[in-house]
C-alpha atoms as a PDB file:
ATOM      1  CA  UNK A   1      -0.051  -0.092  -0.019  1.00  0.00           C
ATOM      2  CA  UNK A   2       1.606   3.359  -0.958  1.00  0.00           C
ATOM      3  CA  UNK A   3       2.354   5.623   1.631  1.00  0.00           C
ATOM      4  CA  UNK A   4       0.075   8.606   2.402  1.00  0.00           C
ATOM      5  CA  UNK A   5       1.714  11.976   2.100  1.00  0.00           C
ATOM      6  CA  UNK A   6       0.922  14.327   4.982  1.00  0.00           C
ATOM      7  CA  UNK A   7       0.336  17.926   4.109  1.00  0.00           C
ATOM      8  CA  UNK A   8       3.517  20.049   5.203  1.00  0.00           C
ATOM      9  CA  UNK A   9       3.086  22.241   8.453  1.00  0.00           C
ATOM     10  CA  UNK A  10       2.307  25.867   7.810  1.00  0.00           C
ATOM     11  CA  UNK A  11       5.275  28.098   7.349  1.00  0.00           C
ATOM     12  CA  UNK A  12       6.471  30.162  10.342  1.00  0.00           C
ATOM     13  CA  UNK A  13       9.123  33.006  10.277  1.00  0.00           C
ATOM     14  CA  UNK A  14      12.148  30.557  10.820  1.00  0.00           C
ATOM     15  CA  UNK A  15      10.831  28.110   8.097  1.00  0.00           C
ATOM     16  CA  UNK A  16      10.438  31.119   5.506  1.00  0.00           C
ATOM     17  CA  UNK A  17      13.753  32.490   6.214  1.00  0.00           C
ATOM     18  CA  UNK A  18      15.203  28.882   5.631  1.00  0.00           C
ATOM     19  CA  UNK A  19      13.112  28.889   2.295  1.00  0.00           C
ATOM     20  CA  UNK A  20      14.608  32.254   1.113  1.00  0.00           C
ATOM     21  CA  UNK A  21      18.207  31.194   2.050  1.00  0.00           C
ATOM     22  CA  UNK A  22      17.808  27.770   0.289  1.00  0.00           C
ATOM     23  CA  UNK A  23      16.335  29.444  -3.081  1.00  0.00           C
ATOM     24  CA  UNK A  24      19.097  32.242  -3.116  1.00  0.00           C
ATOM     25  CA  UNK A  25      21.767  29.255  -2.610  1.00  0.00           C
ATOM     26  CA  UNK A  26      20.496  27.523  -5.756  1.00  0.00           C
ATOM     27  CA  UNK A  27      19.328  30.082  -8.195  1.00  0.00           C
ATOM     28  CA  UNK A  28      20.673  33.485  -9.183  1.00  0.00           C
ATOM     29  CA  UNK A  29      17.678  35.475  -8.563  1.00  0.00           C
ATOM     30  CA  UNK A  30      16.256  39.105  -8.004  1.00  0.00           C
ATOM     31  CA  UNK A  31      14.614  40.594  -4.886  1.00  0.00           C
ATOM     32  CA  UNK A  32      11.245  40.624  -6.809  1.00  0.00           C
ATOM     33  CA  UNK A  33      11.434  37.016  -7.959  1.00  0.00           C
ATOM     34  CA  UNK A  34      12.375  35.780  -4.346  1.00  0.00           C
ATOM     35  CA  UNK A  35       9.490  37.793  -2.850  1.00  0.00           C
ATOM     36  CA  UNK A  36       6.990  36.349  -5.287  1.00  0.00           C
ATOM     37  CA  UNK A  37       8.575  32.866  -4.491  1.00  0.00           C
ATOM     38  CA  UNK A  38       8.039  33.348  -0.899  1.00  0.00           C
ATOM     39  CA  UNK A  39       4.579  34.859  -1.361  1.00  0.00           C
ATOM     40  CA  UNK A  40       3.826  31.706  -3.332  1.00  0.00           C
ATOM     41  CA  UNK A  41       5.229  29.250  -0.668  1.00  0.00           C
ATOM     42  CA  UNK A  42       2.743  31.185   1.887  1.00  0.00           C
ATOM     43  CA  UNK A  43      -0.205  30.961  -0.217  1.00  0.00           C
ATOM     44  CA  UNK A  44       0.496  27.282  -0.686  1.00  0.00           C
ATOM     45  CA  UNK A  45       1.428  26.043   2.755  1.00  0.00           C
ATOM     46  CA  UNK A  46      -0.382  28.432   4.961  1.00  0.00           C
ATOM     47  CA  UNK A  47       0.965  31.023   7.885  1.00  0.00           C
ATOM     48  CA  UNK A  48       1.311  30.307  11.416  1.00  0.00           C
ATOM     49  CA  UNK A  49       2.508  33.687  13.312  1.00  0.00           C
ATOM     50  CA  UNK A  50       2.526  37.332  13.003  1.00  0.00           C
ATOM     51  CA  UNK A  51       2.007  38.396   9.409  1.00  0.00           C
ATOM     52  CA  UNK A  52       4.894  37.785   6.917  1.00  0.00           C
ATOM     53  CA  UNK A  53       6.516  40.187   4.686  1.00  0.00           C
ATOM     54  CA  UNK A  54       8.200  38.441   1.717  1.00  0.00           C
ATOM     55  CA  UNK A  55       9.768  41.742   0.427  1.00  0.00           C
ATOM     56  CA  UNK A  56      11.506  42.506   3.713  1.00  0.00           C
ATOM     57  CA  UNK A  57      12.861  39.133   3.591  1.00  0.00           C
ATOM     58  CA  UNK A  58      14.020  39.767   0.047  1.00  0.00           C
ATOM     59  CA  UNK A  59      15.726  43.320   1.014  1.00  0.00           C
ATOM     60  CA  UNK A  60      17.413  41.508   3.936  1.00  0.00           C
ATOM     61  CA  UNK A  61      18.906  38.947   1.452  1.00  0.00           C
ATOM     62  CA  UNK A  62      19.960  41.747  -0.826  1.00  0.00           C
ATOM     63  CA  UNK A  63      21.614  43.443   2.178  1.00  0.00           C
ATOM     64  CA  UNK A  64      23.652  40.284   2.977  1.00  0.00           C
ATOM     65  CA  UNK A  65      24.762  40.247  -0.493  1.00  0.00           C
ATOM     66  CA  UNK A  66      23.123  37.191  -1.471  1.00  0.00           C
ATOM     67  CA  UNK A  67      20.624  39.027  -4.118  1.00  0.00           C
ATOM     68  CA  UNK A  68      22.101  41.663  -6.459  1.00  0.00           C
ATOM     69  CA  UNK A  69      19.537  42.838  -9.027  1.00  0.00           C
ATOM     70  CA  UNK A  70      22.268  44.512 -11.031  1.00  0.00           C
ATOM     71  CA  UNK A  71      24.596  41.708 -11.341  1.00  0.00           C
ATOM     72  CA  UNK A  72      21.592  39.503 -12.117  1.00  0.00           C
ATOM     73  CA  UNK A  73      20.348  41.917 -15.159  1.00  0.00           C
ATOM     74  CA  UNK A  74      24.041  42.128 -16.558  1.00  0.00           C
ATOM     75  CA  UNK A  75      24.697  38.550 -16.709  1.00  0.00           C
ATOM     76  CA  UNK A  76      21.007  37.732 -18.015  1.00  0.00           C
ATOM     77  CA  UNK A  77      21.386  40.371 -20.878  1.00  0.00           C
ATOM     78  CA  UNK A  78      24.883  39.243 -21.591  1.00  0.00           C
ATOM     79  CA  UNK A  79      23.541  35.498 -22.077  1.00  0.00           C
ATOM     80  CA  UNK A  80      20.597  36.240 -23.927  1.00  0.00           C
ATOM     81  CA  UNK A  81      22.837  38.628 -26.151  1.00  0.00           C
ATOM     82  CA  UNK A  82      25.052  36.127 -26.726  1.00  0.00           C
ATOM     83  CA  UNK A  83      22.339  33.698 -27.527  1.00  0.00           C
ATOM     84  CA  UNK A  84      21.255  36.028 -30.240  1.00  0.00           C
ATOM     85  CA  UNK A  85      18.341  37.749 -28.497  1.00  0.00           C
ATOM     86  CA  UNK A  86      17.712  41.316 -29.173  1.00  0.00           C
ATOM     87  CA  UNK A  87      17.266  44.299 -26.957  1.00  0.00           C
ATOM     88  CA  UNK A  88      13.598  44.216 -26.855  1.00  0.00           C
ATOM     89  CA  UNK A  89      13.669  40.541 -25.615  1.00  0.00           C
ATOM     90  CA  UNK A  90      16.407  41.250 -23.306  1.00  0.00           C
ATOM     91  CA  UNK A  91      14.148  44.029 -21.798  1.00  0.00           C
ATOM     92  CA  UNK A  92      11.233  41.907 -21.495  1.00  0.00           C
ATOM     93  CA  UNK A  93      13.021  38.971 -19.762  1.00  0.00           C
ATOM     94  CA  UNK A  94      14.502  41.516 -17.143  1.00  0.00           C
ATOM     95  CA  UNK A  95      11.034  42.855 -16.629  1.00  0.00           C
ATOM     96  CA  UNK A  96       9.558  39.543 -16.152  1.00  0.00           C
ATOM     97  CA  UNK A  97      12.427  38.823 -13.444  1.00  0.00           C
ATOM     98  CA  UNK A  98      11.125  42.088 -11.631  1.00  0.00           C
ATOM     99  CA  UNK A  99      14.465  44.063 -12.299  1.00  0.00           C
ATOM    100  CA  UNK A 100      13.832  47.660 -11.639  1.00  0.00           C
ATOM    101  CA  UNK A 101      14.638  49.812 -14.290  1.00  0.00           C
ATOM    102  CA  UNK A 102      17.459  51.552 -12.608  1.00  0.00           C
ATOM    103  CA  UNK A 103      19.197  48.363 -12.170  1.00  0.00           C
ATOM    104  CA  UNK A 104      18.510  47.094 -16.018  1.00  0.00           C
ATOM    105  CA  UNK A 105      19.509  50.307 -17.245  1.00  0.00           C
ATOM    106  CA  UNK A 106      23.426  49.660 -17.990  1.00  0.00           C
ATOM    107  CA  UNK A 107      22.689  45.943 -19.130  1.00  0.00           C
ATOM    108  CA  UNK A 108      19.987  47.090 -21.342  1.00  0.00           C
ATOM    109  CA  UNK A 109      22.305  50.053 -22.974  1.00  0.00           C
ATOM    110  CA  UNK A 110      25.156  47.036 -23.518  1.00  0.00           C
ATOM    111  CA  UNK A 111      22.437  44.973 -25.373  1.00  0.00           C
ATOM    112  CA  UNK A 112      21.429  47.808 -27.561  1.00  0.00           C
ATOM    113  CA  UNK A 113      25.134  48.417 -28.383  1.00  0.00           C
ATOM    114  CA  UNK A 114      25.531  44.830 -29.526  1.00  0.00           C
ATOM    115  CA  UNK A 115      22.212  44.687 -31.718  1.00  0.00           C
ATOM    116  CA  UNK A 116      23.845  43.905 -34.852  1.00  0.00           C
ATOM    117  CA  UNK A 117      26.343  41.098 -33.604  1.00  0.00           C
ATOM    118  CA  UNK A 118      23.088  39.617 -31.502  1.00  0.00           C
ATOM    119  CA  UNK A 119      21.207  39.630 -34.693  1.00  0.00           C
ATOM    120  CA  UNK A 120      23.855  38.012 -36.758  1.00  0.00           C
ATOM    121  CA  UNK A 121      24.437  35.234 -34.124  1.00  0.00           C
ATOM    122  CA  UNK A 122      20.583  34.506 -34.254  1.00  0.00           C
ATOM    123  CA  UNK A 123      20.873  34.353 -38.036  1.00  0.00           C
ATOM    124  CA  UNK A 124      23.880  32.084 -38.024  1.00  0.00           C
ATOM    125  CA  UNK A 125      22.078  29.823 -35.309  1.00  0.00           C
ATOM    126  CA  UNK A 126      18.874  29.586 -37.503  1.00  0.00           C
ATOM    127  CA  UNK A 127      21.005  29.589 -40.917  1.00  0.00           C
ATOM    128  CA  UNK A 128      19.119  32.771 -41.972  1.00  0.00           C
ATOM    129  CA  UNK A 129      20.137  35.236 -44.674  1.00  0.00           C
ATOM    130  CA  UNK A 130      24.056  35.185 -45.329  1.00  0.00           C
ATOM    131  CA  UNK A 131      24.294  31.730 -43.414  1.00  0.00           C
ATOM    132  CA  UNK A 132      21.626  30.060 -45.468  1.00  0.00           C
ATOM    133  CA  UNK A 133      22.609  27.327 -47.896  1.00  0.00           C
ATOM    134  CA  UNK A 134      20.419  28.939 -50.657  1.00  0.00           C
ATOM    135  CA  UNK A 135      18.311  32.017 -50.946  1.00  0.00           C
ATOM    136  CA  UNK A 136      14.986  32.037 -49.436  1.00  0.00           C
ATOM    137  CA  UNK A 137      11.523  32.327 -51.014  1.00  0.00           C
ATOM    138  CA  UNK A 138       9.264  35.063 -49.998  1.00  0.00           C
ATOM    139  CA  UNK A 139       7.273  32.788 -47.798  1.00  0.00           C
ATOM    140  CA  UNK A 140      10.247  31.590 -46.038  1.00  0.00           C
ATOM    141  CA  UNK A 141      11.763  34.902 -45.555  1.00  0.00           C
ATOM    142  CA  UNK A 142       8.490  36.176 -44.039  1.00  0.00           C
ATOM    143  CA  UNK A 143       8.688  33.256 -41.563  1.00  0.00           C
ATOM    144  CA  UNK A 144      12.408  34.308 -40.901  1.00  0.00           C
ATOM    145  CA  UNK A 145      11.624  37.802 -40.191  1.00  0.00           C
ATOM    146  CA  UNK A 146       8.817  37.086 -37.651  1.00  0.00           C
ATOM    147  CA  UNK A 147      11.279  34.771 -36.170  1.00  0.00           C
ATOM    148  CA  UNK A 148      13.894  37.797 -35.944  1.00  0.00           C
ATOM    149  CA  UNK A 149      11.304  40.002 -34.547  1.00  0.00           C
ATOM    150  CA  UNK A 150      10.263  37.516 -31.806  1.00  0.00           C
ATOM    151  CA  UNK A 151      13.846  37.241 -30.809  1.00  0.00           C
ATOM    152  CA  UNK A 152      13.595  40.779 -30.051  1.00  0.00           C
ATOM    153  CA  UNK A 153      15.460  42.367 -33.138  1.00  0.00           C
ATOM    154  CA  UNK A 154      14.748  45.681 -35.052  1.00  0.00           C
ATOM    155  CA  UNK A 155      12.668  45.367 -38.184  1.00  0.00           C
ATOM    156  CA  UNK A 156      15.075  47.237 -40.456  1.00  0.00           C
ATOM    157  CA  UNK A 157      18.086  45.371 -39.048  1.00  0.00           C
ATOM    158  CA  UNK A 158      16.321  42.044 -39.513  1.00  0.00           C
ATOM    159  CA  UNK A 159      15.054  42.726 -42.817  1.00  0.00           C
ATOM    160  CA  UNK A 160      18.839  44.011 -44.002  1.00  0.00           C
ATOM    161  CA  UNK A 161      20.071  40.812 -42.568  1.00  0.00           C
ATOM    162  CA  UNK A 162      17.480  38.420 -44.205  1.00  0.00           C
ATOM    163  CA  UNK A 163      17.930  40.168 -47.639  1.00  0.00           C
ATOM    164  CA  UNK A 164      21.728  39.261 -47.849  1.00  0.00           C
ATOM    165  CA  UNK A 165      22.606  36.422 -49.991  1.00  0.00           C
ATOM    166  CA  UNK A 166      24.206  33.408 -48.721  1.00  0.00           C
ATOM    167  CA  UNK A 167      27.820  33.930 -48.096  1.00  0.00           C
ATOM    168  CA  UNK A 168      27.658  37.738 -48.283  1.00  0.00           C
ATOM    169  CA  UNK A 169      29.627  39.547 -45.697  1.00  0.00           C
ATOM    170  CA  UNK A 170      27.809  42.363 -43.927  1.00  0.00           C
ATOM    171  CA  UNK A 171      29.185  45.127 -42.262  1.00  0.00           C
ATOM    172  CA  UNK A 172      27.569  46.785 -39.039  1.00  0.00           C
ATOM    173  CA  UNK A 173      26.920  49.897 -40.601  1.00  0.00           C
ATOM    174  CA  UNK A 174      26.446  50.564 -44.305  1.00  0.00           C
END
């Protein structure tokens, strides 16, 4: 006969602190993501004790240096840009991670500065434009353009890259 699972006991302040510490040791995170995680755990398991403040715990973890929104934003932006995502997609990812605009500013500037290289990396990975084996027909080019736009690239830059013939060398600023 299978063992019955007993529901986990309601959380208290010590258990919530332990959950927060365990989360920041396992994952790179932001204050907002940590607070959302803690709030979700309180909703799932219940609460026993004086009112909880997940945001205060997240701020305390940031004060200890366990959470750094600016470092998270820079690392996430570099990783996404390297993988071929555009500045718009990087901005959306940082917003979803609850990174404040002040902490995301420098990372977004660097991502925008590397827009051309990022778009070329995306085209290379997907074998679009100058990295294709053969020129694309209109329907294929439209799908490729849609993919470049979903990846967060500028429309004009995406069109320019997709218009290049296979093997053509592109310069950043023509």
